[in-house]
C-alpha cells in the first residue's frame, strides 16, 4: 500500500504539534509496534529532543498570547517538520517519491498550522484563559489519537484528517472577522490612552 495516506495524516498532525508526531512515530518504531517507521525517527537523541520540546509546547500552548507567539515562531518549523517526516516515511517505504512526500507533508502541515494559529488568535480575544487549556488538550489528544490510528489504518485516518482540515479552514474564514475586530478595538484603545496621556501631560 502507498505511504501517501500516512504522509498526509502526519503532515496534518505536524501542523498542530510536530514534536508529538516525531515522538509518537519514533516510539512506535522503537517499541516494535510498527515496521513503517524510519530508523532516523527511532534514534534515542531524536526521541529525547522531541520529548523535551513536546513538554515545552505542552506548557506554552496553554497560556493565552504565549500560545500565539509560540505559533508564530513555528510557522516555519511545523511545515518543515511535516515535509521532513513525509520524506523519511516515503524513503523508508519506497512506494512514493521523497520530493512528492515532502511537498504533501509540508503543505498539509502549513495548512493545519494556519488553522491552529488563526483559531488560537480568535480564542485569545476571549477574556477568560480556560478555553486555551481546553483547546490545547483537545489538540494534543486529537494528534495522539489520529497518528496512532494512522499507524494501523492509514487510509481511514487520512480521510478523518482531511475532513478536520477542511472543517478547520472553513471555521477559520468565519473567525477572521472576529480577529480583525479585536485588533481594531485594541489599536483604538491604545490610541485613546496615548491621547489621554498627551492631554494630561503638564506643559513643558
Protein backbone atom coordinates (compact mmCIF):
# COMPACT_ATOMS: atom_id res chain seq x y z
CA UNK A 1 0.00 0.00 0.00
CA UNK A 2 1.20 3.53 -0.75
CA UNK A 3 2.53 5.51 2.16
CA UNK A 4 0.69 8.63 0.95
CA UNK A 5 -2.20 8.42 3.48
CA UNK A 6 0.28 8.22 6.36
CA UNK A 7 2.29 11.12 4.92
CA UNK A 8 -0.87 13.23 4.66
CA UNK A 9 -2.00 12.42 8.19
CA UNK A 10 1.44 13.02 9.70
CA UNK A 11 1.59 16.33 7.82
CA UNK A 12 -1.77 17.41 9.21
CA UNK A 13 -0.70 16.42 12.73
CA UNK A 14 2.70 18.13 12.35
CA UNK A 15 0.95 21.43 11.67
CA UNK A 16 -0.66 21.15 15.08
CA UNK A 17 2.12 19.58 17.14
CA UNK A 18 5.19 18.48 15.19
CA UNK A 19 7.08 17.31 18.28
CA UNK A 20 4.26 14.97 19.27
CA UNK A 21 4.28 13.44 15.77
CA UNK A 22 8.03 12.78 15.81
CA UNK A 23 7.85 11.41 19.36
CA UNK A 24 4.88 9.13 18.67
CA UNK A 25 6.22 7.74 15.40
CA UNK A 26 9.63 7.18 16.97
CA UNK A 27 8.14 5.33 19.92
CA UNK A 28 6.01 3.14 17.64
CA UNK A 29 9.13 2.16 15.75
CA UNK A 30 11.44 1.80 18.74
CA UNK A 31 8.98 -0.45 20.60
CA UNK A 32 8.43 -2.65 17.55
CA UNK A 33 4.73 -1.82 17.26
CA UNK A 34 5.21 -0.73 13.66
CA UNK A 35 7.68 -1.56 10.90
CA UNK A 36 6.71 1.54 8.90
CA UNK A 37 8.80 3.98 10.95
CA UNK A 38 12.23 5.03 9.59
CA UNK A 39 15.28 4.36 11.75
CA UNK A 40 16.04 8.09 11.93
CA UNK A 41 12.89 8.75 13.96
CA UNK A 42 13.74 5.92 16.36
CA UNK A 43 17.16 7.24 17.36
CA UNK A 44 17.42 7.99 21.12
CA UNK A 45 18.66 11.56 20.61
CA UNK A 46 15.72 12.31 18.30
CA UNK A 47 13.25 10.91 20.83
CA UNK A 48 14.82 12.86 23.71
CA UNK A 49 14.81 16.18 21.84
CA UNK A 50 11.26 15.62 20.60
CA UNK A 51 10.14 14.72 24.13
CA UNK A 52 11.67 17.83 25.71
CA UNK A 53 10.26 20.14 23.02
CA UNK A 54 6.87 18.44 23.32
CA UNK A 55 6.82 19.25 27.05
CA UNK A 56 7.78 22.88 26.30
CA UNK A 57 4.94 23.12 23.78
CA UNK A 58 2.51 21.46 26.19
CA UNK A 59 3.09 24.36 28.61
CA UNK A 60 3.38 27.28 26.15
CA UNK A 61 0.34 26.12 24.19
CA UNK A 62 -1.98 26.56 27.16
CA UNK A 63 -1.07 30.15 28.10
CA UNK A 64 -3.05 32.96 26.39
CA UNK A 65 -0.97 35.05 23.97
CA UNK A 66 2.11 32.93 24.70
CA UNK A 67 0.49 30.30 22.51
CA UNK A 68 0.19 32.78 19.62
CA UNK A 69 3.84 33.80 19.99
CA UNK A 70 4.80 30.10 20.01
CA UNK A 71 2.69 29.55 16.88
CA UNK A 72 4.35 32.44 15.06
CA UNK A 73 7.80 31.01 15.83
CA UNK A 74 6.65 27.63 14.48
CA UNK A 75 5.25 28.96 11.21
CA UNK A 76 8.38 27.63 9.52
CA UNK A 77 9.23 24.79 11.91
CA UNK A 78 5.96 22.85 11.60
CA UNK A 79 5.79 22.76 7.77
CA UNK A 80 9.49 21.83 7.61
CA UNK A 81 8.89 19.06 10.15
CA UNK A 82 5.90 17.82 8.14
CA UNK A 83 7.98 17.75 4.97
CA UNK A 84 10.89 16.03 6.74
CA UNK A 85 8.72 13.32 8.30
CA UNK A 86 6.92 12.80 4.99
CA UNK A 87 10.18 12.40 3.08
CA UNK A 88 11.51 9.95 5.69
CA UNK A 89 8.33 7.86 5.53
CA UNK A 90 8.47 7.79 1.74
CA UNK A 91 12.15 6.86 1.71
CA UNK A 92 11.51 4.03 4.15
CA UNK A 93 8.51 2.73 2.22
CA UNK A 94 9.86 3.15 -1.30
CA UNK A 95 6.30 3.49 -2.66
CA UNK A 96 6.38 7.27 -3.10
CA UNK A 97 8.90 9.87 -4.24
CA UNK A 98 10.69 11.69 -1.40
CA UNK A 99 10.04 15.03 -3.08
CA UNK A 100 6.34 14.34 -3.54
CA UNK A 101 6.00 13.15 0.05
CA UNK A 102 7.86 16.21 1.30
CA UNK A 103 5.57 18.53 -0.63
CA UNK A 104 2.43 16.75 0.61
CA UNK A 105 3.61 16.64 4.22
CA UNK A 106 4.88 20.22 4.22
CA UNK A 107 1.87 21.79 2.51
CA UNK A 108 -0.58 19.87 4.70
CA UNK A 109 1.33 20.91 7.82
CA UNK A 110 1.29 24.55 6.69
CA UNK A 111 -2.48 24.41 6.15
CA UNK A 112 -3.23 22.84 9.54
CA UNK A 113 -0.77 25.21 11.24
CA UNK A 114 -2.64 28.15 9.71
CA UNK A 115 -5.90 26.80 11.11
CA UNK A 116 -4.36 26.26 14.54
CA UNK A 117 -2.68 29.68 14.73
CA UNK A 118 -5.76 31.52 13.46
CA UNK A 119 -8.06 29.68 15.83
CA UNK A 120 -5.80 30.47 18.77
CA UNK A 121 -5.79 34.17 17.85
CA UNK A 122 -9.59 34.10 17.87
CA UNK A 123 -9.67 32.29 21.21
CA UNK A 124 -7.31 34.88 22.69
CA UNK A 125 -9.96 37.55 22.06
CA UNK A 126 -11.88 35.93 24.93
CA UNK A 127 -11.08 37.38 28.38
CA UNK A 128 -11.04 34.00 30.17
CA UNK A 129 -7.97 31.71 29.98
CA UNK A 130 -9.66 28.32 30.31
CA UNK A 131 -10.60 27.92 26.65
CA UNK A 132 -6.89 27.84 25.74
CA UNK A 133 -6.33 24.89 28.05
CA UNK A 134 -9.37 23.00 26.75
CA UNK A 135 -8.47 23.56 23.08
CA UNK A 136 -4.82 22.67 23.68
CA UNK A 137 -5.74 19.40 25.41
CA UNK A 138 -8.18 18.58 22.59
CA UNK A 139 -5.43 19.19 20.02
CA UNK A 140 -2.92 17.02 21.90
CA UNK A 141 -5.40 14.17 22.27
CA UNK A 142 -6.53 14.55 18.66
CA UNK A 143 -2.98 14.36 17.32
CA UNK A 144 -2.18 11.34 19.50
CA UNK A 145 -5.38 9.56 18.52
CA UNK A 146 -5.18 10.20 14.77
CA UNK A 147 -1.46 9.37 14.49
CA UNK A 148 -1.98 6.16 16.45
CA UNK A 149 -4.96 5.26 14.29
CA UNK A 150 -2.96 6.06 11.14
CA UNK A 151 -0.24 3.57 12.05
CA UNK A 152 -2.74 0.71 11.78
CA UNK A 153 -5.44 2.18 9.49
CA UNK A 154 -3.71 4.81 7.32
CA UNK A 155 -6.47 5.44 4.77
CA UNK A 156 -9.38 5.98 7.21
CA UNK A 157 -7.09 8.18 9.35
CA UNK A 158 -6.18 10.27 6.29
CA UNK A 159 -9.87 10.73 5.49
CA UNK A 160 -10.55 11.91 9.06
CA UNK A 161 -7.55 14.28 8.91
CA UNK A 162 -8.80 15.65 5.58
CA UNK A 163 -12.27 16.30 6.99
CA UNK A 164 -10.80 18.00 10.07
CA UNK A 165 -8.53 20.15 7.92
CA UNK A 166 -11.35 21.22 5.60
CA UNK A 167 -13.63 21.96 8.55
CA UNK A 168 -10.90 23.95 10.27
CA UNK A 169 -10.28 26.08 7.17
CA UNK A 170 -14.00 26.84 6.86
CA UNK A 171 -14.25 27.80 10.54
CA UNK A 172 -11.14 29.98 10.22
CA UNK A 173 -12.77 32.00 7.44
CA UNK A 174 -15.61 32.88 9.82
CA UNK A 175 -13.20 33.67 12.66
CA UNK A 176 -11.10 36.12 10.64
CA UNK A 177 -13.67 38.91 11.05
CA UNK A 178 -13.68 38.40 14.83
CA UNK A 179 -9.89 38.58 14.93
CA UNK A 180 -9.89 41.79 12.88
CA UNK A 181 -12.48 43.43 15.13
CA UNK A 182 -10.43 42.52 18.21
CA UNK A 183 -7.23 44.04 16.84
CA UNK A 184 -9.08 47.17 15.68
CA UNK A 185 -10.57 47.66 19.16
CA UNK A 186 -7.19 47.07 20.75
CA UNK A 187 -5.50 49.61 18.47
CA UNK A 188 -8.28 52.09 19.19
CA UNK A 189 -7.83 51.68 22.96
CA UNK A 190 -4.08 52.20 22.63
CA UNK A 191 -4.70 55.37 20.65
CA UNK A 192 -7.19 56.61 23.24
CA UNK A 193 -4.70 56.01 26.05
CA UNK A 194 -1.99 57.82 24.10
CA UNK A 195 -4.22 60.84 23.54
CA UNK A 196 -5.31 60.84 27.18
CA UNK A 197 -1.69 60.80 28.27
CA UNK A 198 -0.91 63.75 26.00
CA UNK A 199 -3.86 65.75 27.34
CA UNK A 200 -2.88 65.06 30.94
CA UNK A 201 0.78 65.91 30.35
CA UNK A 202 1.86 69.14 32.10
CA UNK A 203 3.04 71.94 29.75
CA UNK A 204 6.74 71.83 29.06
